Amino acid sequence: MTSAIVFDIDGTLANTPAVIAELIADVVHGLGASPSRAQVLATVGKPLEASLARLLGVSVDSAATAEAAARYRARFATDVLSQGPALLLPGVPEGLDDLRAAGHLLGIATSKISSSALALLEATGILGRFDTVVCHDMVERGKPHPDMALRALADLGAPAAASWYVGDTVTDMAMARGAALRTVGVSYGVDSAEDLVAAGADHVVADFPSVIRALLHGTADTVRDLAGTRPEPTGALT
């Protein structure tokens, strides 16, 4: 049976939440808003325009939101992409290679728009490891709705029962569960282990090598292991 593993990017494969949050904060500060750090961090991994509008206290289709998005995207290359492979979390390239060597198809489902996602994957040197990249602007409804995960599974020709989603937020877990995917939550990104557990993650792990051990062997150094709580088997992929 064909199996797929679909990943989030920010906070899961790339250590980008802090630099993205800093960029978002600088952009909205420049337009007169003063959100707290917690409010800014809560927007990482969510659709950009909606997040900027919320921080600015305006509507998503306002001129201020459009200006903020333009400023953010103009600086994304210099502030984020310029860091290249250094943005990747430890063990990511090797772990992805191990999954591919084991015969698993790999995909991305991210709240980034296509141009930003592809640019980040290219800058970090891992774009070629993925068989499909599904972005917010490619589906009718973004996270937490299951549309992106379902699109990725369709692209890969893989059933949900044989596949997994790996992400760092409760919206990642909600999307994956809506698509009937099993899940690995990572506690080193945006949301806490407790939040990921509450969102129904099958496994919650503290580093990327543990993601790979959980997927390939059904074991990992877990923050909290929820194996056996889902109707589908939660051991190693077959």
Protein backbone atom coordinates (compact mmCIF):
# COMPACT_ATOMS: atom_id res chain seq x y z
CA MET A 1 0.00 0.00 0.00
CA THR A 2 1.32 3.44 -0.94
CA SER A 3 2.07 5.52 2.15
CA ALA A 4 2.62 9.26 2.40
CA ILE A 5 4.05 11.59 5.00
CA VAL A 6 2.92 15.21 4.70
CA PHE A 7 4.70 18.03 6.54
CA ASP A 8 4.11 21.57 7.65
CA ILE A 9 7.11 23.85 7.04
CA ASP A 10 7.45 26.68 9.59
CA GLY A 11 8.30 25.34 13.02
CA THR A 12 8.33 21.76 11.74
CA LEU A 13 11.07 21.54 9.11
CA ALA A 14 12.47 25.05 9.36
CA ASN A 15 13.33 27.06 12.45
CA THR A 16 11.50 30.09 11.08
CA PRO A 17 8.83 31.08 13.66
CA ALA A 18 11.08 33.50 15.56
CA VAL A 19 12.45 35.28 12.48
CA ILE A 20 9.02 35.40 10.86
CA ALA A 21 7.48 36.75 14.06
CA GLU A 22 10.18 39.42 14.24
CA LEU A 23 9.48 40.43 10.65
CA ILE A 24 5.70 40.52 11.19
CA ALA A 25 6.13 42.59 14.36
CA ASP A 26 8.39 45.07 12.58
CA VAL A 27 5.92 45.43 9.69
CA VAL A 28 2.87 46.07 11.87
CA HIS A 29 4.82 48.36 14.19
CA GLY A 30 5.69 50.40 11.12
CA LEU A 31 1.98 50.78 10.46
CA GLY A 32 1.15 51.92 13.99
CA ALA A 33 0.19 48.66 15.75
CA SER A 34 1.77 47.44 18.98
CA PRO A 35 0.78 43.79 19.51
CA SER A 36 2.38 41.69 22.22
CA ARG A 37 5.01 39.10 21.37
CA ALA A 38 2.52 36.35 22.21
CA GLN A 39 -0.02 37.83 19.81
CA VAL A 40 2.56 37.96 17.03
CA LEU A 41 3.84 34.42 17.65
CA ALA A 42 0.26 33.14 17.52
CA THR A 43 0.04 34.22 13.88
CA VAL A 44 3.03 32.17 12.68
CA GLY A 45 1.91 29.34 10.45
CA LYS A 46 -1.44 30.96 9.70
CA PRO A 47 -2.52 32.77 6.50
CA LEU A 48 -0.58 36.03 6.23
CA GLU A 49 -3.28 38.55 5.29
CA ALA A 50 -5.71 37.36 7.98
CA SER A 51 -2.94 37.45 10.57
CA LEU A 52 -1.79 40.94 9.63
CA ALA A 53 -5.37 42.24 9.65
CA ARG A 54 -5.92 40.81 13.12
CA LEU A 55 -2.76 42.44 14.47
CA LEU A 56 -3.59 45.76 12.83
CA GLY A 57 -7.22 45.67 13.95
CA VAL A 58 -8.54 46.15 10.41
CA SER A 59 -10.41 44.08 7.86
CA VAL A 60 -8.54 41.55 5.76
CA ASP A 61 -9.43 43.40 2.53
CA SER A 62 -8.35 46.83 3.79
CA ALA A 63 -5.62 48.96 2.27
CA ALA A 64 -3.61 48.66 5.48
CA THR A 65 -3.62 44.87 5.25
CA ALA A 66 -2.51 45.01 1.62
CA GLU A 67 0.29 47.43 2.51
CA ALA A 68 1.44 45.23 5.39
CA ALA A 69 1.46 42.12 3.21
CA ALA A 70 3.43 43.92 0.52
CA ARG A 71 6.02 45.10 3.05
CA TYR A 72 6.31 41.61 4.54
CA ARG A 73 6.78 39.90 1.19
CA ALA A 74 9.29 42.51 0.04
CA ARG A 75 11.48 41.71 3.05
CA PHE A 76 10.91 37.93 3.17
CA ALA A 77 13.85 37.23 0.88
CA THR A 78 16.34 39.43 2.72
CA ASP A 79 15.19 38.67 6.27
CA VAL A 80 14.34 34.97 5.95
CA LEU A 81 15.40 33.29 2.69
CA SER A 82 18.91 34.72 2.87
CA GLN A 83 19.65 32.35 5.77
CA GLY A 84 19.30 29.37 3.42
CA PRO A 85 19.91 25.84 4.73
CA ALA A 86 20.80 27.25 8.16
CA LEU A 87 17.05 27.64 8.70
CA LEU A 88 16.53 23.88 8.72
CA LEU A 89 16.15 22.17 12.05
CA PRO A 90 18.82 19.58 12.95
CA GLY A 91 18.35 16.28 11.20
CA VAL A 92 15.82 17.42 8.60
CA PRO A 93 17.68 16.63 5.34
CA GLU A 94 18.92 13.29 6.63
CA GLY A 95 15.52 12.37 8.05
CA LEU A 96 13.71 13.17 4.81
CA ASP A 97 16.25 11.08 2.91
CA ASP A 98 15.66 8.16 5.30
CA LEU A 99 11.91 8.35 4.71
CA ARG A 100 12.35 8.42 0.94
CA ALA A 101 14.83 5.53 1.09
CA ALA A 102 12.21 3.53 2.97
CA GLY A 103 9.82 4.05 0.06
CA HIS A 104 7.50 6.70 1.45
CA LEU A 105 6.11 9.55 -0.63
CA LEU A 106 6.61 13.00 0.89
CA GLY A 107 4.43 16.08 0.66
CA ILE A 108 3.94 19.54 2.07
CA ALA A 109 0.69 21.15 3.24
CA THR A 110 1.36 24.72 4.39
CA SER A 111 -0.52 27.93 5.07
CA LYS A 112 2.07 29.79 3.00
CA ILE A 113 1.11 30.87 -0.48
CA SER A 114 2.80 28.95 -3.28
CA SER A 115 5.49 31.50 -4.14
CA SER A 116 6.66 31.83 -0.52
CA ALA A 117 6.57 28.10 0.19
CA LEU A 118 8.49 27.15 -2.94
CA ALA A 119 11.03 29.90 -2.36
CA LEU A 120 11.66 28.73 1.21
CA LEU A 121 11.95 25.06 0.25
CA GLU A 122 14.32 25.99 -2.58
CA ALA A 123 16.43 28.29 -0.38
CA THR A 124 16.83 25.58 2.25
CA GLY A 125 17.74 22.97 -0.37
CA ILE A 126 14.95 20.47 0.30
CA LEU A 127 12.39 21.22 -2.42
CA GLY A 128 13.44 18.22 -4.51
CA ARG A 129 12.71 15.81 -1.68
CA PHE A 130 8.94 16.40 -1.92
CA ASP A 131 6.55 14.80 -4.38
CA THR A 132 3.89 17.49 -3.93
CA VAL A 133 3.65 20.92 -2.31
CA VAL A 134 0.13 22.10 -1.44
CA CYS A 135 -0.30 25.71 -0.32
CA HIS A 136 -3.02 27.95 1.07
CA ASP A 137 -3.74 29.55 -2.29
CA MET A 138 -4.31 26.18 -3.96
CA VAL A 139 -7.43 25.17 -2.03
CA GLU A 140 -10.78 26.70 -1.20
CA ARG A 141 -10.31 26.45 2.57
CA GLY A 142 -7.06 26.57 4.52
CA LYS A 143 -6.20 25.09 7.90
CA PRO A 144 -7.89 23.90 10.10
CA HIS A 145 -10.11 22.57 7.29
CA PRO A 146 -8.84 19.32 5.74
CA ASP A 147 -8.68 20.56 2.14
CA MET A 148 -4.88 20.88 1.88
CA ALA A 149 -4.23 17.47 3.43
CA LEU A 150 -6.82 15.85 1.17
CA ARG A 151 -5.27 17.55 -1.87
CA ALA A 152 -1.83 16.26 -0.88
CA LEU A 153 -3.12 12.70 -0.46
CA ALA A 154 -4.84 12.90 -3.84
CA ASP A 155 -1.67 14.20 -5.50
CA LEU A 156 0.34 11.37 -3.96
CA GLY A 157 -2.24 8.67 -4.58
CA ALA A 158 -2.02 7.57 -0.96
CA PRO A 159 -4.84 6.58 1.41
CA ALA A 160 -5.16 8.40 4.72
CA ALA A 161 -5.08 5.13 6.66
CA ALA A 162 -1.49 4.52 5.52
CA SER A 163 -0.31 8.11 5.90
CA TRP A 164 0.74 10.72 8.45
CA TYR A 165 0.87 14.48 8.93
CA VAL A 166 3.66 16.18 10.90
CA GLY A 167 3.13 19.68 12.26
CA ASP A 168 3.66 22.03 15.17
CA THR A 169 0.25 23.66 15.74
CA VAL A 170 -3.22 22.72 16.87
CA THR A 171 -4.54 23.82 13.47
CA ASP A 172 -2.16 21.31 11.86
CA MET A 173 -3.62 18.57 14.05
CA ALA A 174 -7.19 19.66 13.28
CA MET A 175 -6.54 19.65 9.52
CA ALA A 176 -4.92 16.23 9.64
CA ARG A 177 -7.60 14.66 11.79
CA GLY A 178 -10.26 16.10 9.48
CA ALA A 179 -8.55 14.23 6.65
CA ALA A 180 -8.30 11.03 8.77
CA LEU A 181 -4.49 11.20 8.84
CA ARG A 182 -2.48 9.96 11.77
CA THR A 183 -0.38 12.70 13.34
CA VAL A 184 2.98 13.53 14.85
CA GLY A 185 3.05 16.85 16.70
CA VAL A 186 6.38 18.57 17.32
CA SER A 187 6.77 20.55 20.51
CA TYR A 188 9.74 22.63 19.30
CA GLY A 189 7.60 24.88 17.07
CA VAL A 190 4.73 27.22 17.88
CA ASP A 191 2.31 25.31 20.11
CA SER A 192 3.13 23.47 23.32
CA ALA A 193 3.15 19.73 23.85
CA GLU A 194 0.09 20.10 26.06
CA ASP A 195 -1.81 21.94 23.31
CA LEU A 196 -0.83 19.33 20.74
CA VAL A 197 -1.94 16.53 23.04
CA ALA A 198 -5.27 18.29 23.61
CA ALA A 199 -5.63 18.65 19.82
CA GLY A 200 -5.41 14.87 19.47
CA ALA A 201 -1.87 14.26 18.24
CA ASP A 202 -1.00 10.57 18.11
CA HIS A 203 2.60 11.27 19.11
CA VAL A 204 4.26 14.45 20.38
CA VAL A 205 8.03 14.63 20.06
CA ALA A 206 10.71 17.12 20.99
CA ASP A 207 13.09 16.98 18.00
CA PHE A 208 13.11 16.03 14.33
CA PRO A 209 15.12 12.79 14.69
CA SER A 210 12.34 11.61 17.01
CA VAL A 211 9.83 12.35 14.24
CA ILE A 212 11.73 9.94 11.99
CA ARG A 213 12.00 7.25 14.66
CA ALA A 214 8.28 7.48 15.34
CA LEU A 215 7.43 7.19 11.65
CA LEU A 216 9.87 4.44 10.72
CA HIS A 217 9.99 2.39 13.90
CA GLY A 218 7.00 3.41 15.99
CA THR A 219 9.29 4.52 18.80
CA ALA A 220 10.77 7.87 19.75
CA ASP A 221 11.91 9.99 22.67
CA THR A 222 8.46 11.41 23.16
CA VAL A 223 7.18 14.28 25.23
CA ARG A 224 3.99 12.29 25.39
CA ASP A 225 3.22 9.22 23.33
CA LEU A 226 -0.43 8.68 22.52
CA ALA A 227 -0.03 5.43 20.61
CA GLY A 228 -3.17 3.32 20.67
CA THR A 229 -5.64 6.18 21.11
CA ARG A 230 -6.75 6.20 17.48
CA PRO A 231 -8.69 3.49 15.60
CA GLU A 232 -5.88 3.22 13.04
CA PRO A 233 -2.58 1.52 14.03
CA THR A 234 -0.04 4.05 15.26
CA GLY A 235 3.17 2.07 14.94
CA ALA A 236 5.70 2.25 12.13
CA LEU A 237 4.48 2.87 8.61
CA THR A 238 3.90 -0.21 6.48
